[in-house]
C-alpha atoms as a PDB file:
ATOM      1  CA  MET A   1       0.000   0.000   0.000  1.00  0.00           C
ATOM      2  CA  THR A   2       1.474   3.325  -1.041  1.00  0.00           C
ATOM      3  CA  PRO A   3       2.063   5.585   1.996  1.00  0.00           C
ATOM      4  CA  ARG A   4      -0.310   8.541   1.762  1.00  0.00           C
ATOM      5  CA  GLN A   5      -0.355  11.999   3.297  1.00  0.00           C
ATOM      6  CA  LEU A   6      -3.883  12.208   4.688  1.00  0.00           C
ATOM      7  CA  PRO A   7      -5.754  15.186   6.134  1.00  0.00           C
ATOM      8  CA  PRO A   8      -6.067  15.298   9.944  1.00  0.00           C
ATOM      9  CA  ASN A   9      -9.690  14.090   9.923  1.00  0.00           C
ATOM     10  CA  ALA A  10      -8.915  10.866   8.023  1.00  0.00           C
ATOM     11  CA  SER A  11      -8.001   7.571   9.712  1.00  0.00           C
ATOM     12  CA  VAL A  12      -7.758   9.139  13.180  1.00  0.00           C
ATOM     13  CA  ALA A  13      -6.995   6.934  16.197  1.00  0.00           C
ATOM     14  CA  THR A  14      -5.904   7.771  19.721  1.00  0.00           C
ATOM     15  CA  GLU A  15      -4.294   5.623  22.409  1.00  0.00           C
ATOM     16  CA  GLY A  16      -6.640   3.849  24.795  1.00  0.00           C
ATOM     17  CA  GLU A  17      -6.077   1.319  27.553  1.00  0.00           C
ATOM     18  CA  ASP A  18      -3.959  -1.838  27.298  1.00  0.00           C
ATOM     19  CA  GLY A  19      -2.632  -1.042  23.836  1.00  0.00           C
ATOM     20  CA  MET A  20      -6.074  -0.603  22.291  1.00  0.00           C
ATOM     21  CA  LEU A  21      -6.307   2.299  19.856  1.00  0.00           C
ATOM     22  CA  VAL A  22      -9.621   4.131  19.603  1.00  0.00           C
ATOM     23  CA  ALA A  23     -10.990   5.530  16.341  1.00  0.00           C
ATOM     24  CA  PRO A  24     -14.065   7.733  16.858  1.00  0.00           C
ATOM     25  CA  THR A  25     -15.556   6.678  13.519  1.00  0.00           C
ATOM     26  CA  ALA A  26     -15.301   3.009  14.452  1.00  0.00           C
ATOM     27  CA  SER A  27     -16.930   3.720  17.798  1.00  0.00           C
ATOM     28  CA  ARG A  28     -19.842   5.386  16.011  1.00  0.00           C
ATOM     29  CA  ASN A  29     -20.496   2.882  13.263  1.00  0.00           C
ATOM     30  CA  ALA A  30     -19.665  -0.496  14.834  1.00  0.00           C
ATOM     31  CA  ALA A  31     -23.272  -1.236  15.820  1.00  0.00           C
ATOM     32  CA  VAL A  32     -24.805  -0.471  12.423  1.00  0.00           C
ATOM     33  CA  LEU A  33     -22.072  -2.448  10.683  1.00  0.00           C
ATOM     34  CA  CYS A  34     -22.730  -5.400  12.973  1.00  0.00           C
ATOM     35  CA  ASP A  35     -26.424  -5.232  12.041  1.00  0.00           C
ATOM     36  CA  LEU A  36     -25.609  -5.118   8.322  1.00  0.00           C
ATOM     37  CA  ILE A  37     -23.045  -7.915   8.315  1.00  0.00           C
ATOM     38  CA  ALA A  38     -25.142 -10.174  10.546  1.00  0.00           C
ATOM     39  CA  ARG A  39     -27.931  -9.860   7.963  1.00  0.00           C
ATOM     40  CA  VAL A  40     -25.852 -10.621   4.843  1.00  0.00           C
ATOM     41  CA  ALA A  41     -23.151 -12.974   6.188  1.00  0.00           C
ATOM     42  CA  PRO A  42     -23.259 -16.774   6.218  1.00  0.00           C
ATOM     43  CA  SER A  43     -24.019 -18.333   9.580  1.00  0.00           C
ATOM     44  CA  SER A  44     -20.656 -20.121   9.651  1.00  0.00           C
ATOM     45  CA  GLY A  45     -17.352 -20.216   7.809  1.00  0.00           C
ATOM     46  CA  ARG A  46     -14.159 -18.227   7.421  1.00  0.00           C
ATOM     47  CA  THR A  47     -14.145 -14.439   7.288  1.00  0.00           C
ATOM     48  CA  LEU A  48     -11.316 -12.080   6.363  1.00  0.00           C
ATOM     49  CA  GLU A  49     -11.398  -8.415   7.317  1.00  0.00           C
ATOM     50  CA  LEU A  50      -9.080  -6.293   5.200  1.00  0.00           C
ATOM     51  CA  ALA A  51      -7.404  -3.222   6.708  1.00  0.00           C
ATOM     52  CA  SER A  52      -8.797  -3.934  10.172  1.00  0.00           C
ATOM     53  CA  GLY A  53      -7.458  -0.671  11.606  1.00  0.00           C
ATOM     54  CA  THR A  54      -7.754  -0.432  15.366  1.00  0.00           C
ATOM     55  CA  GLY A  55      -9.568  -3.757  15.792  1.00  0.00           C
ATOM     56  CA  GLN A  56     -12.765  -2.226  17.166  1.00  0.00           C
ATOM     57  CA  HIS A  57     -14.822  -3.542  14.272  1.00  0.00           C
ATOM     58  CA  VAL A  58     -13.533  -7.092  14.050  1.00  0.00           C
ATOM     59  CA  SER A  59     -13.891  -7.672  17.794  1.00  0.00           C
ATOM     60  CA  ALA A  60     -17.487  -6.401  17.651  1.00  0.00           C
ATOM     61  CA  PHE A  61     -18.217  -8.593  14.620  1.00  0.00           C
ATOM     62  CA  ALA A  62     -16.722 -11.668  16.304  1.00  0.00           C
ATOM     63  CA  ARG A  63     -18.864 -11.184  19.397  1.00  0.00           C
ATOM     64  CA  ARG A  64     -22.025 -10.597  17.357  1.00  0.00           C
ATOM     65  CA  MET A  65     -21.404 -13.506  14.924  1.00  0.00           C
ATOM     66  CA  PRO A  66     -19.748 -16.308  16.902  1.00  0.00           C
ATOM     67  CA  GLY A  67     -20.395 -18.906  14.185  1.00  0.00           C
ATOM     68  CA  LEU A  68     -17.869 -17.235  11.902  1.00  0.00           C
ATOM     69  CA  HIS A  69     -14.102 -17.448  12.346  1.00  0.00           C
ATOM     70  CA  TRP A  70     -12.577 -14.002  11.863  1.00  0.00           C
ATOM     71  CA  GLN A  71      -9.154 -13.266  10.395  1.00  0.00           C
ATOM     72  CA  PRO A  72      -8.239  -9.590  10.854  1.00  0.00           C
ATOM     73  CA  SER A  73      -5.452  -8.109   8.749  1.00  0.00           C
ATOM     74  CA  GLU A  74      -3.550  -4.847   8.708  1.00  0.00           C
ATOM     75  CA  VAL A  75      -0.357  -3.469   7.190  1.00  0.00           C
ATOM     76  CA  ASN A  76       0.507  -1.255  10.189  1.00  0.00           C
ATOM     77  CA  LEU A  77       2.378  -2.896  13.092  1.00  0.00           C
ATOM     78  CA  GLU A  78       0.945  -0.656  15.826  1.00  0.00           C
ATOM     79  CA  ARG A  79      -2.568  -1.306  14.627  1.00  0.00           C
ATOM     80  CA  ARG A  80      -1.998  -5.057  14.478  1.00  0.00           C
ATOM     81  CA  ALA A  81      -1.053  -4.887  18.160  1.00  0.00           C
ATOM     82  CA  SER A  82      -4.262  -2.969  18.867  1.00  0.00           C
ATOM     83  CA  ILE A  83      -6.331  -5.529  16.929  1.00  0.00           C
ATOM     84  CA  ASP A  84      -4.860  -8.361  18.983  1.00  0.00           C
ATOM     85  CA  ALA A  85      -5.555  -6.444  22.200  1.00  0.00           C
ATOM     86  CA  TYR A  86      -9.230  -6.025  21.259  1.00  0.00           C
ATOM     87  CA  SER A  87      -9.495  -9.691  20.192  1.00  0.00           C
ATOM     88  CA  LYS A  88      -7.858 -11.143  23.300  1.00  0.00           C
ATOM     89  CA  GLY A  89      -9.972 -13.948  24.675  1.00  0.00           C
ATOM     90  CA  LEU A  90     -12.147 -14.321  21.564  1.00  0.00           C
ATOM     91  CA  GLY A  91     -11.931 -17.930  20.465  1.00  0.00           C
ATOM     92  CA  ASN A  92     -13.267 -17.222  16.965  1.00  0.00           C
ATOM     93  CA  THR A  93     -10.639 -14.617  16.047  1.00  0.00           C
ATOM     94  CA  SER A  94      -7.102 -15.266  14.780  1.00  0.00           C
ATOM     95  CA  PRO A  95      -4.140 -12.990  15.492  1.00  0.00           C
ATOM     96  CA  ALA A  96      -3.932 -10.038  13.108  1.00  0.00           C
ATOM     97  CA  LEU A  97      -2.217 -10.908   9.846  1.00  0.00           C
ATOM     98  CA  HIS A  98       0.253  -8.597   8.123  1.00  0.00           C
ATOM     99  CA  LEU A  99      -1.410  -8.040   4.763  1.00  0.00           C
ATOM    100  CA  ASP A 100      -1.290  -5.258   2.190  1.00  0.00           C
ATOM    101  CA  ALA A 101      -4.736  -5.522   0.629  1.00  0.00           C
ATOM    102  CA  THR A 102      -3.657  -3.419  -2.367  1.00  0.00           C
ATOM    103  CA  ALA A 103      -0.787  -5.737  -3.375  1.00  0.00           C
ATOM    104  CA  ALA A 104      -1.289  -8.036  -6.345  1.00  0.00           C
ATOM    105  CA  GLY A 105      -1.261 -11.750  -5.608  1.00  0.00           C
ATOM    106  CA  TRP A 106      -2.095 -11.839  -1.908  1.00  0.00           C
ATOM    107  CA  HIS A 107      -5.045 -14.167  -2.501  1.00  0.00           C
ATOM    108  CA  LYS A 108      -2.518 -16.956  -3.148  1.00  0.00           C
ATOM    109  CA  THR A 109      -1.298 -16.744   0.458  1.00  0.00           C
ATOM    110  CA  ILE A 110      -4.718 -16.862   2.163  1.00  0.00           C
ATOM    111  CA  ALA A 111      -7.117 -19.767   2.650  1.00  0.00           C
ATOM    112  CA  ARG A 112     -10.368 -19.446   0.728  1.00  0.00           C
ATOM    113  CA  GLN A 113     -12.947 -17.358   2.570  1.00  0.00           C
ATOM    114  CA  ASP A 114     -16.726 -17.321   2.885  1.00  0.00           C
ATOM    115  CA  LEU A 115     -16.872 -13.591   3.639  1.00  0.00           C
ATOM    116  CA  VAL A 116     -14.513 -10.651   3.073  1.00  0.00           C
ATOM    117  CA  VAL A 117     -15.194  -7.303   4.758  1.00  0.00           C
ATOM    118  CA  LEU A 118     -13.633  -3.906   4.070  1.00  0.00           C
ATOM    119  CA  VAL A 119     -14.588  -0.771   5.993  1.00  0.00           C
ATOM    120  CA  ASN A 120     -13.593   2.813   5.185  1.00  0.00           C
ATOM    121  CA  LEU A 121     -10.512   2.337   3.024  1.00  0.00           C
ATOM    122  CA  LEU A 122     -11.367   2.838  -0.649  1.00  0.00           C
ATOM    123  CA  HIS A 123     -11.453   6.641  -0.406  1.00  0.00           C
ATOM    124  CA  LEU A 124      -7.944   6.587   1.106  1.00  0.00           C
ATOM    125  CA  ILE A 125      -6.281   4.691  -1.768  1.00  0.00           C
ATOM    126  CA  SER A 126      -5.925   5.232  -5.503  1.00  0.00           C
ATOM    127  CA  LEU A 127      -8.298   3.785  -8.090  1.00  0.00           C
ATOM    128  CA  PRO A 128      -5.671   1.275  -9.356  1.00  0.00           C
ATOM    129  CA  GLU A 129      -5.133   0.138  -5.758  1.00  0.00           C
ATOM    130  CA  ALA A 130      -8.897  -0.228  -5.302  1.00  0.00           C
ATOM    131  CA  GLU A 131      -9.098  -2.259  -8.512  1.00  0.00           C
ATOM    132  CA  THR A 132      -6.389  -4.623  -7.259  1.00  0.00           C
ATOM    133  CA  LEU A 133      -7.996  -4.944  -3.828  1.00  0.00           C
ATOM    134  CA  ILE A 134     -11.394  -5.904  -5.236  1.00  0.00           C
ATOM    135  CA  ALA A 135      -9.869  -8.339  -7.736  1.00  0.00           C
ATOM    136  CA  GLU A 136      -7.833 -10.043  -5.006  1.00  0.00           C
ATOM    137  CA  ALA A 137     -10.809 -10.172  -2.621  1.00  0.00           C
ATOM    138  CA  ALA A 138     -12.931 -11.797  -5.326  1.00  0.00           C
ATOM    139  CA  ARG A 139     -10.249 -14.423  -5.962  1.00  0.00           C
ATOM    140  CA  VAL A 140      -9.989 -15.392  -2.292  1.00  0.00           C
ATOM    141  CA  LEU A 141     -13.735 -16.040  -1.968  1.00  0.00           C
ATOM    142  CA  ASN A 142     -15.324 -19.459  -2.199  1.00  0.00           C
ATOM    143  CA  LEU A 143     -18.156 -19.798  -4.705  1.00  0.00           C
ATOM    144  CA  GLY A 144     -21.174 -18.170  -3.110  1.00  0.00           C
ATOM    145  CA  GLY A 145     -18.928 -16.232  -0.725  1.00  0.00           C
ATOM    146  CA  ARG A 146     -19.686 -12.579  -0.159  1.00  0.00           C
ATOM    147  CA  LEU A 147     -17.743  -9.319  -0.242  1.00  0.00           C
ATOM    148  CA  VAL A 148     -18.928  -6.357   1.844  1.00  0.00           C
ATOM    149  CA  LEU A 149     -17.490  -2.913   1.058  1.00  0.00           C
ATOM    150  CA  TYR A 150     -18.500   0.042   3.243  1.00  0.00           C
ATOM    151  CA  GLY A 151     -17.607   3.696   3.112  1.00  0.00           C
ATOM    152  CA  PRO A 152     -18.294   7.077   1.510  1.00  0.00           C
ATOM    153  CA  PHE A 153     -18.888   7.127  -2.255  1.00  0.00           C
ATOM    154  CA  LYS A 154     -19.980   9.370  -5.068  1.00  0.00           C
ATOM    155  CA  ARG A 155     -23.373   8.651  -6.609  1.00  0.00           C
ATOM    156  CA  ASP A 156     -23.298   8.566 -10.400  1.00  0.00           C
ATOM    157  CA  GLY A 157     -20.276  10.874 -10.393  1.00  0.00           C
ATOM    158  CA  ARG A 158     -21.677  13.346  -7.878  1.00  0.00           C
ATOM    159  CA  LEU A 159     -20.943  14.161  -4.255  1.00  0.00           C
ATOM    160  CA  THR A 160     -24.291  14.398  -2.524  1.00  0.00           C
ATOM    161  CA  SER A 161     -23.603  16.366   0.663  1.00  0.00           C
ATOM    162  CA  GLU A 162     -21.552  19.375   1.717  1.00  0.00           C
ATOM    163  CA  GLY A 163     -19.686  17.244   4.247  1.00  0.00           C
ATOM    164  CA  ASP A 164     -18.727  14.724   1.569  1.00  0.00           C
ATOM    165  CA  GLN A 165     -17.588  17.524  -0.727  1.00  0.00           C
ATOM    166  CA  ARG A 166     -15.360  19.008   1.973  1.00  0.00           C
ATOM    167  CA  PHE A 167     -13.846  15.649   2.911  1.00  0.00           C
ATOM    168  CA  HIS A 168     -13.254  14.611  -0.697  1.00  0.00           C
ATOM    169  CA  ASP A 169     -11.645  17.980  -1.478  1.00  0.00           C
ATOM    170  CA  ALA A 170      -9.372  17.669   1.574  1.00  0.00           C
ATOM    171  CA  LEU A 171      -8.283  14.191   0.485  1.00  0.00           C
ATOM    172  CA  VAL A 172      -7.542  15.233  -3.079  1.00  0.00           C
ATOM    173  CA  GLN A 173      -5.671  18.329  -1.897  1.00  0.00           C
ATOM    174  CA  GLN A 174      -3.361  16.109   0.154  1.00  0.00           C
ATOM    175  CA  ASP A 175      -3.017  13.466  -2.573  1.00  0.00           C
ATOM    176  CA  PRO A 176      -4.630  13.813  -6.019  1.00  0.00           C
ATOM    177  CA  GLU A 177      -4.635  10.020  -6.490  1.00  0.00           C
ATOM    178  CA  ILE A 178      -7.107   9.378  -3.659  1.00  0.00           C
ATOM    179  CA  GLY A 179     -10.639  10.527  -2.851  1.00  0.00           C
ATOM    180  CA  TYR A 180     -14.166   9.182  -3.143  1.00  0.00           C
ATOM    181  CA  LYS A 181     -14.769   6.427  -5.682  1.00  0.00           C
ATOM    182  CA  ASP A 182     -17.983   6.356  -7.678  1.00  0.00           C
ATOM    183  CA  ASP A 183     -20.729   3.822  -7.073  1.00  0.00           C
ATOM    184  CA  THR A 184     -20.746   2.960 -10.783  1.00  0.00           C
ATOM    185  CA  GLN A 185     -17.009   2.177 -10.628  1.00  0.00           C
ATOM    186  CA  ILE A 186     -17.568  -0.277  -7.768  1.00  0.00           C
ATOM    187  CA  MET A 187     -20.445  -1.990  -9.556  1.00  0.00           C
ATOM    188  CA  ALA A 188     -18.340  -2.306 -12.715  1.00  0.00           C
ATOM    189  CA  LEU A 189     -15.441  -3.798 -10.733  1.00  0.00           C
ATOM    190  CA  PHE A 190     -17.800  -6.320  -9.168  1.00  0.00           C
ATOM    191  CA  SER A 191     -18.966  -7.404 -12.614  1.00  0.00           C
ATOM    192  CA  GLU A 192     -15.421  -7.604 -13.992  1.00  0.00           C
ATOM    193  CA  ASN A 193     -14.412  -9.893 -11.127  1.00  0.00           C
ATOM    194  CA  ASP A 194     -17.345 -12.337 -11.260  1.00  0.00           C
ATOM    195  CA  LEU A 195     -19.140 -10.816  -8.302  1.00  0.00           C
ATOM    196  CA  ASP A 196     -22.902 -10.582  -8.557  1.00  0.00           C
ATOM    197  CA  LEU A 197     -24.217  -7.395  -6.956  1.00  0.00           C
ATOM    198  CA  VAL A 198     -26.604  -8.560  -4.248  1.00  0.00           C
ATOM    199  CA  GLU A 199     -27.568  -5.087  -3.040  1.00  0.00           C
ATOM    200  CA  VAL A 200     -26.368  -1.572  -2.325  1.00  0.00           C
ATOM    201  CA  VAL A 201     -27.378  -0.454   1.145  1.00  0.00           C
ATOM    202  CA  GLN A 202     -27.852   3.166   2.165  1.00  0.00           C
ATOM    203  CA  MET A 203     -26.065   3.541   5.496  1.00  0.00           C
ATOM    204  CA  PRO A 204     -26.007   6.300   8.132  1.00  0.00           C
ATOM    205  CA  ALA A 205     -23.848   9.411   7.607  1.00  0.00           C
ATOM    206  CA  ASN A 206     -24.420   9.180   3.838  1.00  0.00           C
ATOM    207  CA  ASN A 207     -22.304   6.050   3.467  1.00  0.00           C
ATOM    208  CA  LEU A 208     -22.978   3.061   1.228  1.00  0.00           C
ATOM    209  CA  ALA A 209     -22.417  -0.669   1.611  1.00  0.00           C
ATOM    210  CA  PHE A 210     -21.949  -2.837  -1.472  1.00  0.00           C
ATOM    211  CA  ILE A 211     -22.727  -6.545  -1.099  1.00  0.00           C
ATOM    212  CA  GLY A 212     -21.286  -8.824  -3.803  1.00  0.00           C
ATOM    213  CA  GLN A 213     -21.461 -12.599  -4.152  1.00  0.00           C
ATOM    214  CA  LYS A 214     -18.907 -14.794  -5.917  1.00  0.00           C
ATOM    215  CA  ALA A 215     -20.557 -16.246  -8.982  1.00  0.00           C
ATOM    216  CA  ALA A 216     -19.778 -19.501 -10.740  1.00  0.00           C
ATOM    217  CA  ILE A 217     -17.666 -18.802 -13.844  1.00  0.00           C
END
């Protein structure tokens, strides 16, 4: 993953207790993401979370969906330590894996998965990196497995709120290669990678969740 210079309000985390980092965004959206994923996920199987960040999400998911075995992953060492701190004592969660989700070929190093989850990353990477990530995630899925992508997106090429416009502009000002991706781009990438679009879910704070399912070729 290419190191990026991000604005101060992107990917913010502060130190908490016992090595656990705290991201305010994750604190706010963990419950609604649990509700979404519990509805669309299989009842059992292997699940990979890409770019797990602080670990707040994956620990909440593991508690809510004990029938799934969760594999968190993260490229940042400090955040992997935080993930493991949050997951301590959870029998259905593996130690955080060092994984660059934007690197070509990583699917060859991971066991096939029944669910792959990505939260709040696509706007912080370039479009070519997003293309690689989705292609690799599709390849690691079993047939019928699902991919869940959540975050802020353009709708048909347009930013639909003042807050989204400000955040997108701040991202692009820091790095012209990043910023909000368009919903039509995500749907096209699903199709190109043999993922059937199950649904697009309108989420709080003007976010979207894309649910794709690995189709038989």
